[in-house]
Amino acid sequence: MGKRLSRIYTRTGDNGETGLGDGTRISKDHPRTEAMGTVDELNSVMGMLIEEMRISGNTDLASLTSFLRYCQHRIFDLGGELSIPGFEIITSRHVEKTEQALDELNKHLQPLENFILPGGSRLIASAHLARAVCRRAERCVVTLGAQEDINPEALRFLNRLSDYLFVAARTCARLTNVDEVLWQKDEVVGPPGLEPGTNGL
């Protein structure tokens, strides 16, 4: 592989535009730029989550860490896909692999009887943060899809990944023997019609 970067700054973005992989230039507030940036942010918080798992020293988290690293590479692929309109990398195979990993984790968890809050430990909260950013990345891709054609499998991948991260947060609590933080209904007002486990979305 040849060198990718010879200079870090180019000054070409000083006027509020950025270049895409096909050479075209768009505004930095374009929905495509927003989607690319949020996917990049997701990759960053995924990296933080992986490192939280690694420094915990808990060997039971090894399979989780391995799959999350795999997902991190696919998120990078998704960013590349978004940088070239009409280009597709993410396929149904990536969606199916995420579903299989999710099902494997979920079968070891007790059914939820209440909502859970991000917390209990920094590791668990980090998993929930990654889930929330993944949901935002999904919304950004939906917004882009209202204007331009997008890869439907990329959208499905983000949706499954957010579900996986929710279950990963619960799995971290189980494997580290930390109690999940359960939502406590206010004595006066509570949201009607929501079922535990939906994470409100």
C-alpha atoms as a PDB file:
ATOM      1  CA  MET A   1       0.000   0.000   0.000  1.00  0.00           C
ATOM      2  CA  GLY A   2       1.359   3.406  -0.959  1.00  0.00           C
ATOM      3  CA  LYS A   3       1.510   6.424   1.279  1.00  0.00           C
ATOM      4  CA  ARG A   4      -1.910   7.972   1.794  1.00  0.00           C
ATOM      5  CA  LEU A   5      -1.008  11.319   3.351  1.00  0.00           C
ATOM      6  CA  SER A   6       1.999  13.504   2.711  1.00  0.00           C
ATOM      7  CA  ARG A   7       0.522  16.687   4.197  1.00  0.00           C
ATOM      8  CA  ILE A   8      -2.049  17.026   6.955  1.00  0.00           C
ATOM      9  CA  TYR A   9      -3.339  20.455   5.978  1.00  0.00           C
ATOM     10  CA  THR A  10      -4.177  21.454   2.418  1.00  0.00           C
ATOM     11  CA  ARG A  11      -6.072  24.744   2.909  1.00  0.00           C
ATOM     12  CA  THR A  12      -8.627  23.511   0.358  1.00  0.00           C
ATOM     13  CA  GLY A  13     -11.366  23.416   3.004  1.00  0.00           C
ATOM     14  CA  ASP A  14     -10.899  26.950   4.233  1.00  0.00           C
ATOM     15  CA  ASN A  15     -13.932  28.191   2.287  1.00  0.00           C
ATOM     16  CA  GLY A  16     -16.353  25.752   3.932  1.00  0.00           C
ATOM     17  CA  GLU A  17     -16.187  22.990   1.340  1.00  0.00           C
ATOM     18  CA  THR A  18     -14.728  19.491   1.388  1.00  0.00           C
ATOM     19  CA  GLY A  19     -13.694  17.056  -1.308  1.00  0.00           C
ATOM     20  CA  LEU A  20     -15.335  13.683  -1.918  1.00  0.00           C
ATOM     21  CA  GLY A  21     -13.624  10.535  -3.075  1.00  0.00           C
ATOM     22  CA  ASP A  22     -14.714  11.093  -6.666  1.00  0.00           C
ATOM     23  CA  GLY A  23     -13.160  14.571  -6.749  1.00  0.00           C
ATOM     24  CA  THR A  24     -16.356  16.592  -6.421  1.00  0.00           C
ATOM     25  CA  ARG A  25     -16.637  19.241  -3.736  1.00  0.00           C
ATOM     26  CA  ILE A  26     -19.586  19.844  -1.442  1.00  0.00           C
ATOM     27  CA  SER A  27     -20.389  22.125   1.461  1.00  0.00           C
ATOM     28  CA  LYS A  28     -19.304  21.040   4.912  1.00  0.00           C
ATOM     29  CA  ASP A  29     -22.922  21.335   6.077  1.00  0.00           C
ATOM     30  CA  HIS A  30     -24.234  19.066   3.293  1.00  0.00           C
ATOM     31  CA  PRO A  31     -26.140  15.997   4.574  1.00  0.00           C
ATOM     32  CA  ARG A  32     -23.481  13.751   3.027  1.00  0.00           C
ATOM     33  CA  THR A  33     -20.740  15.549   4.931  1.00  0.00           C
ATOM     34  CA  GLU A  34     -22.795  15.289   8.126  1.00  0.00           C
ATOM     35  CA  ALA A  35     -23.274  11.558   7.585  1.00  0.00           C
ATOM     36  CA  MET A  36     -19.565  11.041   6.879  1.00  0.00           C
ATOM     37  CA  GLY A  37     -18.581  13.029   9.957  1.00  0.00           C
ATOM     38  CA  THR A  38     -20.990  11.225  12.263  1.00  0.00           C
ATOM     39  CA  VAL A  39     -19.808   7.837  10.998  1.00  0.00           C
ATOM     40  CA  ASP A  40     -16.260   8.993  11.743  1.00  0.00           C
ATOM     41  CA  GLU A  41     -17.396  10.007  15.239  1.00  0.00           C
ATOM     42  CA  LEU A  42     -18.958   6.571  15.680  1.00  0.00           C
ATOM     43  CA  ASN A  43     -15.653   4.962  14.759  1.00  0.00           C
ATOM     44  CA  SER A  44     -13.909   7.083  17.386  1.00  0.00           C
ATOM     45  CA  VAL A  45     -16.270   6.159  20.214  1.00  0.00           C
ATOM     46  CA  MET A  46     -16.076   2.519  19.126  1.00  0.00           C
ATOM     47  CA  GLY A  47     -12.317   2.773  19.533  1.00  0.00           C
ATOM     48  CA  MET A  48     -12.759   4.183  23.030  1.00  0.00           C
ATOM     49  CA  LEU A  49     -15.146   1.346  23.921  1.00  0.00           C
ATOM     50  CA  ILE A  50     -12.711  -1.285  22.661  1.00  0.00           C
ATOM     51  CA  GLU A  51      -9.870   0.217  24.692  1.00  0.00           C
ATOM     52  CA  GLU A  52     -12.085   0.342  27.802  1.00  0.00           C
ATOM     53  CA  MET A  53     -12.650  -3.380  27.356  1.00  0.00           C
ATOM     54  CA  ARG A  54      -8.975  -4.099  26.840  1.00  0.00           C
ATOM     55  CA  ILE A  55      -7.743  -2.142  29.853  1.00  0.00           C
ATOM     56  CA  SER A  56     -10.359  -3.784  32.077  1.00  0.00           C
ATOM     57  CA  GLY A  57      -8.248  -6.937  31.949  1.00  0.00           C
ATOM     58  CA  ASN A  58     -11.412  -9.061  31.845  1.00  0.00           C
ATOM     59  CA  THR A  59     -10.646 -11.937  29.483  1.00  0.00           C
ATOM     60  CA  ASP A  60     -14.342 -12.803  29.229  1.00  0.00           C
ATOM     61  CA  LEU A  61     -14.729  -9.671  27.091  1.00  0.00           C
ATOM     62  CA  ALA A  62     -12.294 -10.930  24.424  1.00  0.00           C
ATOM     63  CA  SER A  63     -14.922 -12.135  21.952  1.00  0.00           C
ATOM     64  CA  LEU A  64     -16.815  -8.853  22.333  1.00  0.00           C
ATOM     65  CA  THR A  65     -13.645  -6.875  21.705  1.00  0.00           C
ATOM     66  CA  SER A  66     -12.831  -8.933  18.638  1.00  0.00           C
ATOM     67  CA  PHE A  67     -16.238  -8.415  17.034  1.00  0.00           C
ATOM     68  CA  LEU A  68     -16.291  -4.715  17.861  1.00  0.00           C
ATOM     69  CA  ARG A  69     -12.919  -4.327  16.156  1.00  0.00           C
ATOM     70  CA  TYR A  70     -14.373  -6.076  13.104  1.00  0.00           C
ATOM     71  CA  CYS A  71     -17.278  -3.617  13.187  1.00  0.00           C
ATOM     72  CA  GLN A  72     -14.863  -0.714  13.492  1.00  0.00           C
ATOM     73  CA  HIS A  73     -13.272  -1.742  10.182  1.00  0.00           C
ATOM     74  CA  ARG A  74     -16.694  -1.978   8.567  1.00  0.00           C
ATOM     75  CA  ILE A  75     -17.596   1.477   9.897  1.00  0.00           C
ATOM     76  CA  PHE A  76     -14.457   2.779   8.225  1.00  0.00           C
ATOM     77  CA  ASP A  77     -15.629   1.072   5.009  1.00  0.00           C
ATOM     78  CA  LEU A  78     -18.998   2.791   5.399  1.00  0.00           C
ATOM     79  CA  GLY A  79     -17.275   6.162   5.659  1.00  0.00           C
ATOM     80  CA  GLY A  80     -15.476   5.386   2.403  1.00  0.00           C
ATOM     81  CA  GLU A  81     -18.754   4.364   0.811  1.00  0.00           C
ATOM     82  CA  LEU A  82     -20.388   7.637   1.810  1.00  0.00           C
ATOM     83  CA  SER A  83     -17.458   9.612   0.389  1.00  0.00           C
ATOM     84  CA  ILE A  84     -18.196   8.371  -3.150  1.00  0.00           C
ATOM     85  CA  PRO A  85     -21.835   8.819  -4.243  1.00  0.00           C
ATOM     86  CA  GLY A  86     -23.186   5.606  -5.764  1.00  0.00           C
ATOM     87  CA  PHE A  87     -20.385   3.457  -4.359  1.00  0.00           C
ATOM     88  CA  GLU A  88     -21.398   0.486  -2.166  1.00  0.00           C
ATOM     89  CA  ILE A  89     -19.251  -1.610   0.190  1.00  0.00           C
ATOM     90  CA  ILE A  90     -21.609  -2.712   2.972  1.00  0.00           C
ATOM     91  CA  THR A  91     -23.671  -5.774   1.990  1.00  0.00           C
ATOM     92  CA  SER A  92     -26.323  -8.036   3.473  1.00  0.00           C
ATOM     93  CA  ARG A  93     -23.497 -10.320   4.653  1.00  0.00           C
ATOM     94  CA  HIS A  94     -22.360  -7.647   7.119  1.00  0.00           C
ATOM     95  CA  VAL A  95     -25.913  -7.228   8.385  1.00  0.00           C
ATOM     96  CA  GLU A  96     -26.350 -10.977   8.834  1.00  0.00           C
ATOM     97  CA  LYS A  97     -23.025 -11.330  10.653  1.00  0.00           C
ATOM     98  CA  THR A  98     -24.065  -8.589  13.076  1.00  0.00           C
ATOM     99  CA  GLU A  99     -27.438 -10.257  13.643  1.00  0.00           C
ATOM    100  CA  GLN A 100     -25.731 -13.579  14.405  1.00  0.00           C
ATOM    101  CA  ALA A 101     -23.376 -11.945  16.894  1.00  0.00           C
ATOM    102  CA  LEU A 102     -26.299 -10.113  18.512  1.00  0.00           C
ATOM    103  CA  ASP A 103     -28.338 -13.308  18.878  1.00  0.00           C
ATOM    104  CA  GLU A 104     -25.369 -15.084  20.448  1.00  0.00           C
ATOM    105  CA  LEU A 105     -25.010 -12.371  23.111  1.00  0.00           C
ATOM    106  CA  ASN A 106     -28.701 -12.009  23.762  1.00  0.00           C
ATOM    107  CA  LYS A 107     -29.301 -15.673  24.555  1.00  0.00           C
ATOM    108  CA  HIS A 108     -27.187 -15.306  27.708  1.00  0.00           C
ATOM    109  CA  LEU A 109     -29.151 -12.303  29.041  1.00  0.00           C
ATOM    110  CA  GLN A 110     -32.226 -12.205  31.213  1.00  0.00           C
ATOM    111  CA  PRO A 111     -35.285 -10.488  29.643  1.00  0.00           C
ATOM    112  CA  LEU A 112     -35.589  -6.845  30.579  1.00  0.00           C
ATOM    113  CA  GLU A 113     -38.319  -5.983  33.054  1.00  0.00           C
ATOM    114  CA  ASN A 114     -37.521  -2.273  33.086  1.00  0.00           C
ATOM    115  CA  PHE A 115     -35.634   0.374  31.133  1.00  0.00           C
ATOM    116  CA  ILE A 116     -31.928   0.702  31.842  1.00  0.00           C
ATOM    117  CA  LEU A 117     -29.873   3.879  31.997  1.00  0.00           C
ATOM    118  CA  PRO A 118     -26.312   4.361  30.704  1.00  0.00           C
ATOM    119  CA  GLY A 119     -24.192   3.735  33.777  1.00  0.00           C
ATOM    120  CA  GLY A 120     -23.011   1.265  36.352  1.00  0.00           C
ATOM    121  CA  SER A 121     -19.434   1.569  35.184  1.00  0.00           C
ATOM    122  CA  ARG A 122     -17.462   3.627  32.684  1.00  0.00           C
ATOM    123  CA  LEU A 123     -17.278   0.573  30.417  1.00  0.00           C
ATOM    124  CA  ILE A 124     -21.052   0.089  30.356  1.00  0.00           C
ATOM    125  CA  ALA A 125     -21.649   3.803  29.823  1.00  0.00           C
ATOM    126  CA  SER A 126     -19.141   3.768  26.946  1.00  0.00           C
ATOM    127  CA  ALA A 127     -21.122   1.038  25.219  1.00  0.00           C
ATOM    128  CA  HIS A 128     -24.304   3.084  25.566  1.00  0.00           C
ATOM    129  CA  LEU A 129     -22.534   6.171  24.230  1.00  0.00           C
ATOM    130  CA  ALA A 130     -21.452   4.193  21.157  1.00  0.00           C
ATOM    131  CA  ARG A 131     -25.053   3.014  20.741  1.00  0.00           C
ATOM    132  CA  ALA A 132     -26.387   6.572  20.890  1.00  0.00           C
ATOM    133  CA  VAL A 133     -23.848   7.856  18.341  1.00  0.00           C
ATOM    134  CA  CYS A 134     -24.663   4.890  16.097  1.00  0.00           C
ATOM    135  CA  ARG A 135     -28.332   5.865  16.223  1.00  0.00           C
ATOM    136  CA  ARG A 136     -27.392   9.415  15.242  1.00  0.00           C
ATOM    137  CA  ALA A 137     -25.278   8.133  12.358  1.00  0.00           C
ATOM    138  CA  GLU A 138     -28.286   6.139  11.205  1.00  0.00           C
ATOM    139  CA  ARG A 139     -30.484   9.254  11.329  1.00  0.00           C
ATOM    140  CA  CYS A 140     -27.896  11.199   9.314  1.00  0.00           C
ATOM    141  CA  VAL A 141     -27.855   8.533   6.615  1.00  0.00           C
ATOM    142  CA  VAL A 142     -31.671   8.597   6.540  1.00  0.00           C
ATOM    143  CA  THR A 143     -31.530  12.379   6.056  1.00  0.00           C
ATOM    144  CA  LEU A 144     -29.070  11.941   3.190  1.00  0.00           C
ATOM    145  CA  GLY A 145     -31.329   9.274   1.693  1.00  0.00           C
ATOM    146  CA  ALA A 146     -34.166  11.784   1.470  1.00  0.00           C
ATOM    147  CA  GLN A 147     -32.081  13.733  -1.068  1.00  0.00           C
ATOM    148  CA  GLU A 148     -29.882  11.135  -2.761  1.00  0.00           C
ATOM    149  CA  ASP A 149     -29.786   7.407  -3.345  1.00  0.00           C
ATOM    150  CA  ILE A 150     -28.098   5.496  -0.525  1.00  0.00           C
ATOM    151  CA  ASN A 151     -27.137   1.879   0.027  1.00  0.00           C
ATOM    152  CA  PRO A 152     -30.057   0.280   1.944  1.00  0.00           C
ATOM    153  CA  GLU A 153     -27.718  -2.332   3.426  1.00  0.00           C
ATOM    154  CA  ALA A 154     -25.629   0.428   5.005  1.00  0.00           C
ATOM    155  CA  LEU A 155     -28.728   1.692   6.774  1.00  0.00           C
ATOM    156  CA  ARG A 156     -29.624  -1.823   7.938  1.00  0.00           C
ATOM    157  CA  PHE A 157     -26.072  -2.348   9.177  1.00  0.00           C
ATOM    158  CA  LEU A 158     -26.207   0.774  11.341  1.00  0.00           C
ATOM    159  CA  ASN A 159     -29.589  -0.233  12.710  1.00  0.00           C
ATOM    160  CA  ARG A 160     -28.360  -3.707  13.682  1.00  0.00           C
ATOM    161  CA  LEU A 161     -25.119  -2.337  15.065  1.00  0.00           C
ATOM    162  CA  SER A 162     -26.986  -0.005  17.416  1.00  0.00           C
ATOM    163  CA  ASP A 163     -29.002  -2.985  18.641  1.00  0.00           C
ATOM    164  CA  TYR A 164     -25.789  -4.963  19.075  1.00  0.00           C
ATOM    165  CA  LEU A 165     -24.239  -2.160  21.126  1.00  0.00           C
ATOM    166  CA  PHE A 166     -27.273  -2.075  23.416  1.00  0.00           C
ATOM    167  CA  VAL A 167     -26.924  -5.805  24.039  1.00  0.00           C
ATOM    168  CA  ALA A 168     -23.140  -5.397  24.359  1.00  0.00           C
ATOM    169  CA  ALA A 169     -23.686  -2.876  27.161  1.00  0.00           C
ATOM    170  CA  ARG A 170     -25.870  -5.402  28.990  1.00  0.00           C
ATOM    171  CA  THR A 171     -23.315  -8.128  28.349  1.00  0.00           C
ATOM    172  CA  CYS A 172     -20.554  -5.953  29.818  1.00  0.00           C
ATOM    173  CA  ALA A 173     -22.632  -5.595  32.974  1.00  0.00           C
ATOM    174  CA  ARG A 174     -23.131  -9.368  33.147  1.00  0.00           C
ATOM    175  CA  LEU A 175     -19.499 -10.295  32.525  1.00  0.00           C
ATOM    176  CA  THR A 176     -18.113  -7.702  34.948  1.00  0.00           C
ATOM    177  CA  ASN A 177     -20.714  -8.443  37.645  1.00  0.00           C
ATOM    178  CA  VAL A 178     -22.030  -4.881  37.710  1.00  0.00           C
ATOM    179  CA  ASP A 179     -25.703  -4.170  38.361  1.00  0.00           C
ATOM    180  CA  GLU A 180     -27.465  -2.363  35.538  1.00  0.00           C
ATOM    181  CA  VAL A 181     -28.926   1.030  36.434  1.00  0.00           C
ATOM    182  CA  LEU A 182     -32.689   0.613  36.228  1.00  0.00           C
ATOM    183  CA  TRP A 183     -34.950   3.515  35.339  1.00  0.00           C
ATOM    184  CA  GLN A 184     -37.177   4.539  38.216  1.00  0.00           C
ATOM    185  CA  LYS A 185     -40.632   5.768  37.369  1.00  0.00           C
ATOM    186  CA  ASP A 186     -41.497   9.165  38.753  1.00  0.00           C
ATOM    187  CA  GLU A 187     -44.244   9.077  41.342  1.00  0.00           C
ATOM    188  CA  VAL A 188     -46.299  11.576  39.363  1.00  0.00           C
ATOM    189  CA  VAL A 189     -45.546  11.140  35.652  1.00  0.00           C
ATOM    190  CA  GLY A 190     -44.316   8.216  33.559  1.00  0.00           C
ATOM    191  CA  PRO A 191     -44.167   7.730  29.768  1.00  0.00           C
ATOM    192  CA  PRO A 192     -47.084   5.626  28.515  1.00  0.00           C
ATOM    193  CA  GLY A 193     -46.885   2.906  25.917  1.00  0.00           C
ATOM    194  CA  LEU A 194     -43.161   2.060  25.978  1.00  0.00           C
ATOM    195  CA  GLU A 195     -41.871  -1.451  26.488  1.00  0.00           C
ATOM    196  CA  PRO A 196     -38.572  -2.222  28.264  1.00  0.00           C
ATOM    197  CA  GLY A 197     -35.750  -3.072  25.892  1.00  0.00           C
ATOM    198  CA  THR A 198     -36.723  -0.719  23.081  1.00  0.00           C
ATOM    199  CA  ASN A 199     -34.225   1.940  24.280  1.00  0.00           C
ATOM    200  CA  GLY A 200     -36.870   4.442  23.306  1.00  0.00           C
ATOM    201  CA  LEU A 201     -36.345   4.179  19.538  1.00  0.00           C
END
